[in-house]
C-alpha cells in the first residue's frame, strides 16, 4: 500500500502528475477520500495535468456543478458528491456511462455511496497532518 507525503499545494499537484504517469490506470475509477480541505481537488489538478487534459489552474471543484470534464475528448472526469445524500441522486448523474469512456473518472466523497462502485477501482485516502502536510494512502481494489 503506497504512502506519499506532501508539504505544499505545489507538491500535491506534482504528486498528482506523478500518480497519473506511474500509478493510476489509463481508464477506470478513482475514489478520493478525505475531510473538507484535505486536498482532493488539488490532487486532481495534478492528475488532470499529468494526463495532458488541462493545466492545473483550469481545474476547480465541481461541488455545485457535480461533474467537470477535462480534455478533448474528455480524459479526466472529476465528480464531487459532497452535496448529494441519496443513491438515486448519484444514479441520475450517469456515472456508469462515464466509466465506459476511455477516461479516468475521479470521484470526491464516493465513500458516501460504497454500494454504487465497481470492485475494480483505486482509492486514495488523504489525511491532513500539521500545517500544510498531507498524507496519501493508495489502495487498489479489484474483482478477484
Protein backbone atom coordinates (compact mmCIF):
# COMPACT_ATOMS: atom_id res chain seq x y z
CA UNK A 1 0.00 0.00 0.00
CA UNK A 2 1.92 3.06 -1.23
CA UNK A 3 2.02 6.09 1.07
CA UNK A 4 3.09 9.55 -0.07
CA UNK A 5 3.51 12.85 1.76
CA UNK A 6 3.43 16.45 0.56
CA UNK A 7 4.07 19.76 2.31
CA UNK A 8 2.52 22.29 -0.09
CA UNK A 9 -0.06 22.75 -2.80
CA UNK A 10 2.71 22.62 -5.41
CA UNK A 11 3.96 19.29 -4.05
CA UNK A 12 0.42 17.90 -4.06
CA UNK A 13 -0.03 18.90 -7.71
CA UNK A 14 3.34 17.33 -8.55
CA UNK A 15 2.28 14.14 -6.76
CA UNK A 16 -0.92 14.05 -8.83
CA UNK A 17 1.14 14.37 -12.01
CA UNK A 18 3.40 11.53 -10.86
CA UNK A 19 0.45 9.30 -9.94
CA UNK A 20 -1.15 9.98 -13.34
CA UNK A 21 2.02 8.88 -15.11
CA UNK A 22 3.16 5.99 -12.92
CA UNK A 23 0.40 4.59 -10.71
CA UNK A 24 -3.15 5.23 -11.90
CA UNK A 25 -4.78 3.17 -14.64
CA UNK A 26 -5.33 4.68 -18.08
CA UNK A 27 -9.07 4.46 -17.52
CA UNK A 28 -11.28 3.47 -14.63
CA UNK A 29 -12.41 4.76 -11.27
CA UNK A 30 -10.51 6.61 -8.56
CA UNK A 31 -12.25 7.42 -5.28
CA UNK A 32 -10.76 10.29 -3.26
CA UNK A 33 -11.41 10.28 0.48
CA UNK A 34 -10.60 12.99 2.97
CA UNK A 35 -12.13 15.72 5.07
CA UNK A 36 -13.04 19.15 3.73
CA UNK A 37 -9.87 20.96 2.80
CA UNK A 38 -7.78 17.79 2.70
CA UNK A 39 -6.51 18.50 -0.81
CA UNK A 40 -8.71 16.33 -3.03
CA UNK A 41 -9.24 18.93 -5.75
CA UNK A 42 -5.59 19.96 -5.56
CA UNK A 43 -4.58 16.36 -6.25
CA UNK A 44 -6.99 16.27 -9.22
CA UNK A 45 -5.23 19.36 -10.62
CA UNK A 46 -2.05 17.32 -10.83
CA UNK A 47 -3.73 14.19 -12.17
CA UNK A 48 -5.51 16.12 -14.94
CA UNK A 49 -2.27 17.92 -15.81
CA UNK A 50 -0.33 14.65 -15.79
CA UNK A 51 -2.84 13.18 -18.23
CA UNK A 52 -2.42 16.17 -20.55
CA UNK A 53 -6.10 17.02 -20.13
CA UNK A 54 -5.59 20.60 -18.93
CA UNK A 55 -3.40 22.94 -16.92
CA UNK A 56 -3.67 22.74 -13.12
CA UNK A 57 -5.25 26.20 -12.86
CA UNK A 58 -8.11 25.07 -15.13
CA UNK A 59 -9.31 22.53 -12.53
CA UNK A 60 -11.88 23.65 -9.98
CA UNK A 61 -14.08 21.86 -7.50
CA UNK A 62 -17.32 20.56 -9.03
CA UNK A 63 -19.18 20.95 -5.72
CA UNK A 64 -22.13 22.77 -7.32
CA UNK A 65 -21.95 21.53 -10.92
CA UNK A 66 -21.20 17.97 -9.72
CA UNK A 67 -19.17 16.96 -12.81
CA UNK A 68 -16.29 18.62 -14.66
CA UNK A 69 -14.69 17.04 -17.71
CA UNK A 70 -11.14 17.86 -18.83
CA UNK A 71 -9.58 17.24 -22.22
CA UNK A 72 -10.91 16.91 -25.77
CA UNK A 73 -12.19 14.25 -25.78
CA UNK A 74 -12.52 14.10 -22.00
CA UNK A 75 -9.61 12.18 -20.47
CA UNK A 76 -10.46 13.07 -16.88
CA UNK A 77 -13.97 13.28 -15.38
CA UNK A 78 -14.00 14.92 -11.94
CA UNK A 79 -17.09 14.36 -9.80
CA UNK A 80 -17.95 15.75 -6.36
CA UNK A 81 -20.73 14.01 -4.41
CA UNK A 82 -20.46 16.13 -1.24
CA UNK A 83 -23.89 17.73 -1.63
CA UNK A 84 -25.75 14.53 -2.56
CA UNK A 85 -27.50 12.46 0.08
CA UNK A 86 -29.24 9.59 -1.68
CA UNK A 87 -28.09 6.84 -4.05
CA UNK A 88 -30.83 7.73 -6.54
CA UNK A 89 -29.34 11.23 -6.86
CA UNK A 90 -25.97 9.72 -7.73
CA UNK A 91 -27.55 7.24 -10.15
CA UNK A 92 -29.13 10.14 -12.06
CA UNK A 93 -25.67 11.55 -12.90
CA UNK A 94 -24.87 8.84 -15.46
CA UNK A 95 -21.60 7.80 -13.85
CA UNK A 96 -21.90 4.31 -15.37
CA UNK A 97 -21.73 5.87 -18.84
CA UNK A 98 -18.67 7.89 -17.82
CA UNK A 99 -16.98 4.69 -16.65
CA UNK A 100 -17.48 3.21 -20.13
CA UNK A 101 -15.42 6.01 -21.68
CA UNK A 102 -11.71 5.92 -22.33
CA UNK A 103 -11.16 8.26 -19.37
CA UNK A 104 -10.19 8.32 -15.74
CA UNK A 105 -13.21 9.03 -13.52
CA UNK A 106 -12.24 10.64 -10.21
CA UNK A 107 -14.91 10.92 -7.52
CA UNK A 108 -14.66 13.01 -4.36
CA UNK A 109 -16.82 11.83 -1.42
CA UNK A 110 -17.52 8.48 -3.10
CA UNK A 111 -17.26 6.75 0.27
CA UNK A 112 -20.76 8.07 1.00
CA UNK A 113 -22.16 5.56 -1.51
CA UNK A 114 -19.98 2.42 -1.32
CA UNK A 115 -22.57 0.09 -2.90
CA UNK A 116 -22.54 2.01 -6.18
CA UNK A 117 -18.94 1.45 -7.27
CA UNK A 118 -17.37 -1.35 -9.24
CA UNK A 119 -14.97 -3.58 -7.36
CA UNK A 120 -12.14 -2.60 -9.69
CA UNK A 121 -11.02 0.83 -8.56
CA UNK A 122 -8.28 2.83 -6.89
CA UNK A 123 -8.90 4.54 -3.56
CA UNK A 124 -6.78 7.42 -2.32
CA UNK A 125 -7.21 8.47 1.30
CA UNK A 126 -5.88 11.93 2.09
CA UNK A 127 -5.07 12.88 5.66
CA UNK A 128 -4.29 16.39 6.81
CA UNK A 129 -1.37 16.48 9.17
CA UNK A 130 0.21 19.51 10.75
CA UNK A 131 0.50 22.78 8.80
CA UNK A 132 0.28 22.06 5.06
CA UNK A 133 1.43 18.46 5.31
CA UNK A 134 -0.75 15.78 3.76
CA UNK A 135 -0.51 12.00 3.74
CA UNK A 136 -1.82 9.99 0.78
CA UNK A 137 -2.58 6.28 1.12
CA UNK A 138 -3.34 4.49 -2.14
CA UNK A 139 -5.10 1.15 -2.36
CA UNK A 140 -6.23 -0.75 -5.43
CA UNK A 141 -9.28 -2.95 -5.23
CA UNK A 142 -10.21 -5.48 -7.89
CA UNK A 143 -12.78 -8.11 -8.65
CA UNK A 144 -10.62 -11.05 -7.63
